Amino acid sequence: MTEPAQLPSASQNNTPVVLRIILAILLGIPGIIGIGAFVVLVGMWLAEGFRFDQSDVWILPVFVIGAESFVCFSVLTIGIVLRYARWQRAPTASLVLAILSAVVIVIGYQLLLDCLAVDNTDDRQLALVFSVLGLVIISVPPLLHWWNAKKPV
């Protein structure tokens, strides 16, 4: 008796998945650097009693904005990668990214307020506007990805 010829099984090509993982890791590097710098800045702020040393105040906004920018860049780009990922936990990871970015933006806003002079209302208003824009542009899309995800039954 002859056995029927078996068709070769179609091997799954995992190249796109591996490339997305590598891309997410590479895009996460600036965020890790930004979080590290942000932790150092918050540590300095806490060590001085919820304020910065007055001799360093003139340069600290550059570091706060830089650290926030690195974190926001990584959140935005990794959020885009997660949006198109075929991973079951991608919506949950997007929620974590939304929370992380919101915390960094809100605490960064407070750090900027402590760096700016009280009578400098223009810069304070500008910081508020950019912080709200950051929350809308950076934090809301991953939150919506989580919110609109199909819940497993």
N, C-alpha and C. Protein backbone atom coordinates (compact mmCIF):
# COMPACT_ATOMS: atom_id res chain seq x y z
N MET A 1 0.81 -1.15 0.00
CA MET A 1 0.00 0.00 0.00
C MET A 1 0.88 1.24 0.00
N THR A 2 0.51 2.12 -0.84
CA THR A 2 1.30 3.33 -0.94
C THR A 2 0.65 4.44 -0.12
N GLU A 3 1.48 5.20 0.50
CA GLU A 3 0.98 6.33 1.31
C GLU A 3 0.86 7.55 0.41
N PRO A 4 -0.16 8.37 0.68
CA PRO A 4 -0.31 9.58 -0.15
C PRO A 4 0.86 10.53 0.11
N ALA A 5 1.20 11.20 -0.90
CA ALA A 5 2.32 12.15 -0.79
C ALA A 5 1.90 13.29 0.14
N GLN A 6 2.75 13.54 1.10
CA GLN A 6 2.46 14.61 2.04
C GLN A 6 3.02 15.92 1.51
N LEU A 7 2.21 16.93 1.65
CA LEU A 7 2.67 18.25 1.23
C LEU A 7 3.62 18.79 2.29
N PRO A 8 4.65 19.46 1.86
CA PRO A 8 5.55 20.03 2.87
C PRO A 8 4.81 21.10 3.68
N SER A 9 5.02 21.06 4.97
CA SER A 9 4.34 22.04 5.83
C SER A 9 4.94 23.42 5.59
N ALA A 10 4.06 24.36 5.58
CA ALA A 10 4.50 25.74 5.34
C ALA A 10 5.16 26.25 6.62
N SER A 11 6.42 26.55 6.52
CA SER A 11 7.12 27.06 7.70
C SER A 11 6.77 28.53 7.89
N GLN A 12 6.57 28.88 9.14
CA GLN A 12 6.21 30.26 9.42
C GLN A 12 7.47 31.11 9.37
N ASN A 13 7.33 32.25 8.75
CA ASN A 13 8.44 33.18 8.66
C ASN A 13 8.35 34.14 9.84
N ASN A 14 9.27 34.03 10.77
CA ASN A 14 9.28 34.87 11.96
C ASN A 14 10.14 36.11 11.81
N THR A 15 10.60 36.37 10.62
CA THR A 15 11.47 37.52 10.41
C THR A 15 10.81 38.85 10.78
N PRO A 16 9.57 39.12 10.38
CA PRO A 16 8.95 40.40 10.77
C PRO A 16 8.82 40.56 12.28
N VAL A 17 8.53 39.46 12.97
CA VAL A 17 8.39 39.52 14.42
C VAL A 17 9.73 39.84 15.07
N VAL A 18 10.77 39.18 14.62
CA VAL A 18 12.11 39.42 15.17
C VAL A 18 12.56 40.84 14.87
N LEU A 19 12.28 41.33 13.68
CA LEU A 19 12.66 42.70 13.33
C LEU A 19 11.90 43.72 14.17
N ARG A 20 10.62 43.46 14.47
CA ARG A 20 9.87 44.36 15.34
C ARG A 20 10.42 44.38 16.76
N ILE A 21 10.84 43.23 17.24
CA ILE A 21 11.43 43.15 18.58
C ILE A 21 12.74 43.92 18.62
N ILE A 22 13.58 43.73 17.62
CA ILE A 22 14.86 44.45 17.57
C ILE A 22 14.61 45.95 17.44
N LEU A 23 13.64 46.34 16.62
CA LEU A 23 13.31 47.76 16.48
C LEU A 23 12.82 48.35 17.79
N ALA A 24 11.97 47.63 18.51
CA ALA A 24 11.47 48.11 19.80
C ALA A 24 12.61 48.27 20.81
N ILE A 25 13.55 47.35 20.81
CA ILE A 25 14.70 47.44 21.72
C ILE A 25 15.55 48.66 21.37
N LEU A 26 15.81 48.86 20.09
CA LEU A 26 16.61 50.01 19.67
C LEU A 26 15.90 51.33 19.98
N LEU A 27 14.59 51.36 19.79
CA LEU A 27 13.83 52.57 20.08
C LEU A 27 13.68 52.82 21.58
N GLY A 28 13.86 51.79 22.38
CA GLY A 28 13.77 51.93 23.82
C GLY A 28 15.03 52.47 24.47
N ILE A 29 16.15 52.44 23.77
CA ILE A 29 17.42 52.90 24.34
C ILE A 29 17.37 54.38 24.73
N PRO A 30 16.88 55.30 23.89
CA PRO A 30 16.80 56.69 24.34
C PRO A 30 15.88 56.86 25.55
N GLY A 31 14.81 56.08 25.62
CA GLY A 31 13.91 56.15 26.76
C GLY A 31 14.58 55.72 28.05
N ILE A 32 15.40 54.69 27.98
CA ILE A 32 16.12 54.23 29.17
C ILE A 32 17.11 55.29 29.62
N ILE A 33 17.79 55.93 28.67
CA ILE A 33 18.71 57.02 29.01
C ILE A 33 17.93 58.18 29.63
N GLY A 34 16.79 58.51 29.05
CA GLY A 34 15.96 59.59 29.57
C GLY A 34 15.43 59.29 30.96
N ILE A 35 15.01 58.05 31.20
CA ILE A 35 14.53 57.68 32.53
C ILE A 35 15.66 57.76 33.55
N GLY A 36 16.85 57.34 33.15
CA GLY A 36 18.00 57.45 34.05
C GLY A 36 18.30 58.89 34.42
N ALA A 37 18.31 59.76 33.43
CA ALA A 37 18.55 61.19 33.70
C ALA A 37 17.42 61.77 34.53
N PHE A 38 16.20 61.36 34.26
CA PHE A 38 15.05 61.85 34.99
C PHE A 38 15.11 61.42 36.45
N VAL A 39 15.52 60.19 36.71
CA VAL A 39 15.66 59.71 38.08
C VAL A 39 16.72 60.51 38.83
N VAL A 40 17.83 60.82 38.16
CA VAL A 40 18.87 61.64 38.79
C VAL A 40 18.33 63.03 39.11
N LEU A 41 17.60 63.63 38.19
CA LEU A 41 17.03 64.96 38.42
C LEU A 41 16.02 64.96 39.57
N VAL A 42 15.17 63.96 39.60
CA VAL A 42 14.20 63.87 40.70
C VAL A 42 14.92 63.62 42.02
N GLY A 43 15.98 62.83 41.99
CA GLY A 43 16.78 62.61 43.20
C GLY A 43 17.41 63.89 43.71
N MET A 44 17.93 64.70 42.79
CA MET A 44 18.50 66.01 43.19
C MET A 44 17.41 66.90 43.77
N TRP A 45 16.25 66.88 43.15
CA TRP A 45 15.12 67.70 43.59
C TRP A 45 14.66 67.28 44.98
N LEU A 46 14.58 65.98 45.21
CA LEU A 46 14.15 65.48 46.52
C LEU A 46 15.20 65.73 47.59
N ALA A 47 16.48 65.60 47.23
CA ALA A 47 17.56 65.79 48.21
C ALA A 47 17.63 67.23 48.72
N GLU A 48 17.20 68.17 47.91
CA GLU A 48 17.23 69.57 48.31
C GLU A 48 15.93 70.02 48.96
N GLY A 49 15.04 69.09 49.25
CA GLY A 49 13.78 69.46 49.90
C GLY A 49 12.73 69.95 48.93
N PHE A 50 12.52 69.22 47.83
CA PHE A 50 11.52 69.56 46.80
C PHE A 50 11.81 70.89 46.12
N ARG A 51 13.05 71.15 45.91
CA ARG A 51 13.48 72.32 45.14
C ARG A 51 14.90 72.04 44.66
N PHE A 52 15.35 72.82 43.71
CA PHE A 52 16.72 72.67 43.21
C PHE A 52 17.63 73.67 43.88
N ASP A 53 18.92 73.34 43.92
CA ASP A 53 19.92 74.27 44.42
C ASP A 53 19.95 75.48 43.49
N GLN A 54 19.94 76.66 44.06
CA GLN A 54 19.81 77.89 43.27
C GLN A 54 20.99 78.12 42.33
N SER A 55 22.13 77.53 42.61
CA SER A 55 23.26 77.73 41.71
C SER A 55 23.13 76.93 40.42
N ASP A 56 22.31 75.88 40.44
CA ASP A 56 22.15 75.02 39.26
C ASP A 56 20.88 75.30 38.47
N VAL A 57 20.03 76.17 38.95
CA VAL A 57 18.71 76.37 38.36
C VAL A 57 18.78 76.85 36.91
N TRP A 58 19.78 77.58 36.53
CA TRP A 58 19.84 78.15 35.19
C TRP A 58 20.04 77.09 34.12
N ILE A 59 20.67 75.94 34.43
CA ILE A 59 20.95 74.93 33.41
C ILE A 59 20.00 73.73 33.50
N LEU A 60 19.31 73.54 34.60
CA LEU A 60 18.49 72.35 34.80
C LEU A 60 17.32 72.22 33.84
N PRO A 61 16.67 73.30 33.38
CA PRO A 61 15.59 73.09 32.40
C PRO A 61 16.04 72.37 31.13
N VAL A 62 17.27 72.56 30.74
CA VAL A 62 17.78 71.87 29.55
C VAL A 62 17.79 70.36 29.79
N PHE A 63 18.23 69.95 30.99
CA PHE A 63 18.29 68.53 31.30
C PHE A 63 16.90 67.93 31.50
N VAL A 64 16.00 68.68 32.12
CA VAL A 64 14.63 68.20 32.33
C VAL A 64 13.94 68.01 30.99
N ILE A 65 14.03 69.00 30.12
CA ILE A 65 13.40 68.90 28.81
C ILE A 65 14.05 67.80 27.97
N GLY A 66 15.36 67.67 28.05
CA GLY A 66 16.05 66.61 27.32
C GLY A 66 15.64 65.22 27.78
N ALA A 67 15.58 65.02 29.10
CA ALA A 67 15.18 63.71 29.63
C ALA A 67 13.74 63.40 29.25
N GLU A 68 12.86 64.38 29.36
CA GLU A 68 11.47 64.18 28.97
C GLU A 68 11.35 63.86 27.48
N SER A 69 12.13 64.54 26.67
CA SER A 69 12.08 64.31 25.22
C SER A 69 12.52 62.91 24.86
N PHE A 70 13.56 62.42 25.52
CA PHE A 70 14.02 61.05 25.25
C PHE A 70 12.95 60.03 25.62
N VAL A 71 12.34 60.21 26.78
CA VAL A 71 11.30 59.27 27.21
C VAL A 71 10.10 59.35 26.27
N CYS A 72 9.68 60.55 25.93
CA CYS A 72 8.51 60.71 25.05
C CYS A 72 8.77 60.16 23.66
N PHE A 73 9.97 60.32 23.14
CA PHE A 73 10.32 59.75 21.84
C PHE A 73 10.18 58.23 21.88
N SER A 74 10.72 57.62 22.91
CA SER A 74 10.64 56.16 23.00
C SER A 74 9.21 55.69 23.19
N VAL A 75 8.44 56.38 24.02
CA VAL A 75 7.05 55.99 24.23
C VAL A 75 6.27 56.09 22.92
N LEU A 76 6.46 57.16 22.19
CA LEU A 76 5.74 57.36 20.94
C LEU A 76 6.10 56.28 19.91
N THR A 77 7.37 56.03 19.73
CA THR A 77 7.80 55.08 18.70
C THR A 77 7.50 53.63 19.09
N ILE A 78 7.71 53.30 20.35
CA ILE A 78 7.39 51.93 20.79
C ILE A 78 5.87 51.72 20.76
N GLY A 79 5.12 52.77 21.06
CA GLY A 79 3.66 52.68 20.95
C GLY A 79 3.21 52.37 19.53
N ILE A 80 3.88 52.96 18.56
CA ILE A 80 3.55 52.68 17.16
C ILE A 80 3.88 51.24 16.81
N VAL A 81 5.02 50.76 17.30
CA VAL A 81 5.39 49.36 17.05
C VAL A 81 4.38 48.42 17.70
N LEU A 82 3.99 48.74 18.93
CA LEU A 82 3.02 47.89 19.64
C LEU A 82 1.65 47.90 18.96
N ARG A 83 1.31 49.00 18.37
CA ARG A 83 0.01 49.10 17.70
C ARG A 83 -0.11 48.09 16.58
N TYR A 84 0.97 47.79 15.90
CA TYR A 84 0.94 46.85 14.79
C TYR A 84 1.49 45.49 15.14
N ALA A 85 1.79 45.26 16.40
CA ALA A 85 2.30 43.97 16.84
C ALA A 85 1.16 42.96 16.93
N ARG A 86 1.48 41.71 16.71
CA ARG A 86 0.49 40.65 16.83
C ARG A 86 0.64 39.93 18.17
N TRP A 87 1.00 40.68 19.17
CA TRP A 87 1.23 40.14 20.50
C TRP A 87 -0.03 40.34 21.33
N GLN A 88 -0.44 39.33 22.08
CA GLN A 88 -1.67 39.42 22.85
C GLN A 88 -1.60 40.48 23.94
N ARG A 89 -0.44 40.71 24.48
CA ARG A 89 -0.30 41.66 25.58
C ARG A 89 0.13 43.05 25.13
N ALA A 90 0.08 43.31 23.85
CA ALA A 90 0.46 44.63 23.33
C ALA A 90 -0.41 45.74 23.90
N PRO A 91 -1.73 45.57 24.04
CA PRO A 91 -2.53 46.64 24.64
C PRO A 91 -2.13 46.94 26.09
N THR A 92 -1.79 45.91 26.85
CA THR A 92 -1.35 46.13 28.22
C THR A 92 -0.02 46.86 28.26
N ALA A 93 0.88 46.51 27.35
CA ALA A 93 2.15 47.23 27.26
C ALA A 93 1.92 48.69 26.86
N SER A 94 0.93 48.94 26.02
CA SER A 94 0.60 50.31 25.65
C SER A 94 0.07 51.09 26.86
N LEU A 95 -0.70 50.43 27.70
CA LEU A 95 -1.18 51.07 28.92
C LEU A 95 -0.02 51.46 29.83
N VAL A 96 0.95 50.57 29.95
CA VAL A 96 2.14 50.87 30.76
C VAL A 96 2.89 52.07 30.18
N LEU A 97 3.01 52.12 28.87
CA LEU A 97 3.67 53.26 28.22
C LEU A 97 2.90 54.55 28.46
N ALA A 98 1.58 54.50 28.41
CA ALA A 98 0.77 55.70 28.64
C ALA A 98 0.94 56.20 30.07
N ILE A 99 0.95 55.30 31.02
CA ILE A 99 1.13 55.69 32.42
C ILE A 99 2.52 56.26 32.63
N LEU A 100 3.53 55.59 32.07
CA LEU A 100 4.92 56.07 32.22
C LEU A 100 5.08 57.47 31.64
N SER A 101 4.55 57.69 30.46
CA SER A 101 4.71 59.01 29.85
C SER A 101 3.95 60.08 30.61
N ALA A 102 2.76 59.75 31.11
CA ALA A 102 1.99 60.73 31.88
C ALA A 102 2.72 61.10 33.17
N VAL A 103 3.29 60.12 33.84
CA VAL A 103 4.04 60.40 35.08
C VAL A 103 5.26 61.26 34.79
N VAL A 104 6.00 60.94 33.73
CA VAL A 104 7.19 61.71 33.39
C VAL A 104 6.82 63.14 33.00
N ILE A 105 5.76 63.32 32.26
CA ILE A 105 5.36 64.67 31.83
C ILE A 105 4.88 65.50 33.02
N VAL A 106 4.09 64.91 33.89
CA VAL A 106 3.57 65.67 35.04
C VAL A 106 4.68 66.02 36.02
N ILE A 107 5.53 65.06 36.35
CA ILE A 107 6.64 65.35 37.27
C ILE A 107 7.64 66.30 36.61
N GLY A 108 7.86 66.15 35.32
CA GLY A 108 8.74 67.07 34.60
C GLY A 108 8.21 68.49 34.61
N TYR A 109 6.90 68.63 34.52
CA TYR A 109 6.30 69.96 34.60
C TYR A 109 6.57 70.59 35.97
N GLN A 110 6.44 69.79 37.02
CA GLN A 110 6.72 70.31 38.36
C GLN A 110 8.20 70.68 38.51
N LEU A 111 9.08 69.89 37.95
CA LEU A 111 10.50 70.22 38.00
C LEU A 111 10.79 71.51 37.24
N LEU A 112 10.13 71.70 36.10
CA LEU A 112 10.31 72.94 35.35
C LEU A 112 9.79 74.15 36.12
N LEU A 113 8.67 73.99 36.79
CA LEU A 113 8.15 75.09 37.60
C LEU A 113 9.13 75.50 38.69
N ASP A 114 9.80 74.53 39.27
CA ASP A 114 10.78 74.85 40.31
C ASP A 114 12.05 75.48 39.73
N CYS A 115 12.30 75.28 38.46
CA CYS A 115 13.47 75.89 37.82
C CYS A 115 13.19 77.32 37.37
N LEU A 116 11.94 77.64 37.09
CA LEU A 116 11.60 78.96 36.56
C LEU A 116 11.28 79.92 37.70
N ALA A 117 11.59 81.17 37.48
CA ALA A 117 11.32 82.20 38.49
C ALA A 117 9.81 82.41 38.62
N VAL A 118 9.39 82.79 39.82
CA VAL A 118 7.97 82.98 40.08
C VAL A 118 7.39 84.10 39.23
N ASP A 119 8.15 85.15 38.98
CA ASP A 119 7.64 86.27 38.20
C ASP A 119 7.73 86.06 36.69
N ASN A 120 8.25 84.92 36.26
CA ASN A 120 8.39 84.62 34.84
C ASN A 120 7.14 83.86 34.36
N THR A 121 6.04 84.58 34.24
CA THR A 121 4.77 83.93 33.91
C THR A 121 4.70 83.42 32.48
N ASP A 122 5.41 84.05 31.57
CA ASP A 122 5.38 83.60 30.17
C ASP A 122 5.96 82.20 30.04
N ASP A 123 7.11 81.96 30.65
CA ASP A 123 7.72 80.63 30.57
C ASP A 123 6.90 79.59 31.31
N ARG A 124 6.28 79.96 32.41
CA ARG A 124 5.44 79.04 33.15
C ARG A 124 4.22 78.65 32.32
N GLN A 125 3.61 79.60 31.64
CA GLN A 125 2.46 79.29 30.80
C GLN A 125 2.87 78.43 29.60
N LEU A 126 4.03 78.73 29.05
CA LEU A 126 4.54 77.94 27.94
C LEU A 126 4.81 76.50 28.39
N ALA A 127 5.36 76.33 29.58
CA ALA A 127 5.60 74.98 30.12
C ALA A 127 4.30 74.23 30.30
N LEU A 128 3.27 74.94 30.77
CA LEU A 128 1.95 74.30 30.94
C LEU A 128 1.37 73.87 29.59
N VAL A 129 1.46 74.75 28.61
CA VAL A 129 0.92 74.43 27.28
C VAL A 129 1.64 73.22 26.69
N PHE A 130 2.96 73.18 26.77
CA PHE A 130 3.71 72.05 26.21
C PHE A 130 3.48 70.77 26.99
N SER A 131 3.25 70.88 28.29
CA SER A 131 2.96 69.69 29.08
C SER A 131 1.60 69.10 28.71
N VAL A 132 0.62 69.96 28.54
CA VAL A 132 -0.70 69.47 28.14
C VAL A 132 -0.65 68.88 26.73
N LEU A 133 0.06 69.55 25.83
CA LEU A 133 0.23 68.99 24.48
C LEU A 133 0.95 67.65 24.53
N GLY A 134 1.95 67.54 25.38
CA GLY A 134 2.66 66.26 25.54
C GLY A 134 1.74 65.17 26.03
N LEU A 135 0.89 65.50 26.99
CA LEU A 135 -0.06 64.50 27.48
C LEU A 135 -1.00 64.05 26.37
N VAL A 136 -1.47 65.00 25.57
CA VAL A 136 -2.42 64.66 24.50
C VAL A 136 -1.73 63.89 23.37
N ILE A 137 -0.55 64.33 22.97
CA ILE A 137 0.11 63.73 21.81
C ILE A 137 0.83 62.44 22.17
N ILE A 138 1.42 62.36 23.34
CA ILE A 138 2.25 61.21 23.69
C ILE A 138 1.47 60.18 24.50
N SER A 139 0.71 60.60 25.49
CA SER A 139 0.07 59.64 26.40
C SER A 139 -1.27 59.10 25.91
N VAL A 140 -2.02 59.88 25.20
CA VAL A 140 -3.36 59.45 24.80
C VAL A 140 -3.35 58.33 23.75
N PRO A 141 -2.51 58.35 22.70
CA PRO A 141 -2.56 57.26 21.72
C PRO A 141 -2.33 55.86 22.30
N PRO A 142 -1.31 55.65 23.16
CA PRO A 142 -1.20 54.31 23.75
C PRO A 142 -2.39 53.96 24.65
N LEU A 143 -2.94 54.96 25.33
CA LEU A 143 -4.11 54.72 26.17
C LEU A 143 -5.30 54.29 25.31
N LEU A 144 -5.47 54.94 24.18
CA LEU A 144 -6.57 54.56 23.28
C LEU A 144 -6.34 53.18 22.68
N HIS A 145 -5.09 52.81 22.43
CA HIS A 145 -4.80 51.46 21.93
C HIS A 145 -5.25 50.43 22.96
N TRP A 146 -4.97 50.69 24.22
CA TRP A 146 -5.40 49.79 25.28
C TRP A 146 -6.93 49.80 25.41
N TRP A 147 -7.53 50.98 25.36
CA TRP A 147 -8.97 51.14 25.56
C TRP A 147 -9.76 50.43 24.46
N ASN A 148 -9.29 50.55 23.22
CA ASN A 148 -10.03 49.98 22.09
C ASN A 148 -9.67 48.54 21.76
N ALA A 149 -8.77 47.95 22.53
CA ALA A 149 -8.35 46.58 22.24
C ALA A 149 -9.50 45.62 22.51
N LYS A 150 -9.54 44.58 21.70
CA LYS A 150 -10.58 43.56 21.90
C LYS A 150 -10.20 42.74 23.13
N LYS A 151 -11.12 42.67 24.04
CA LYS A 151 -10.90 41.92 25.28
C LYS A 151 -11.06 40.42 25.00
N PRO A 152 -10.12 39.58 25.48
CA PRO A 152 -10.28 38.13 25.27
C PRO A 152 -11.47 37.60 26.06
N VAL A 153 -12.18 36.69 25.45
CA VAL A 153 -13.39 36.15 26.07
C VAL A 153 -13.06 35.00 26.96
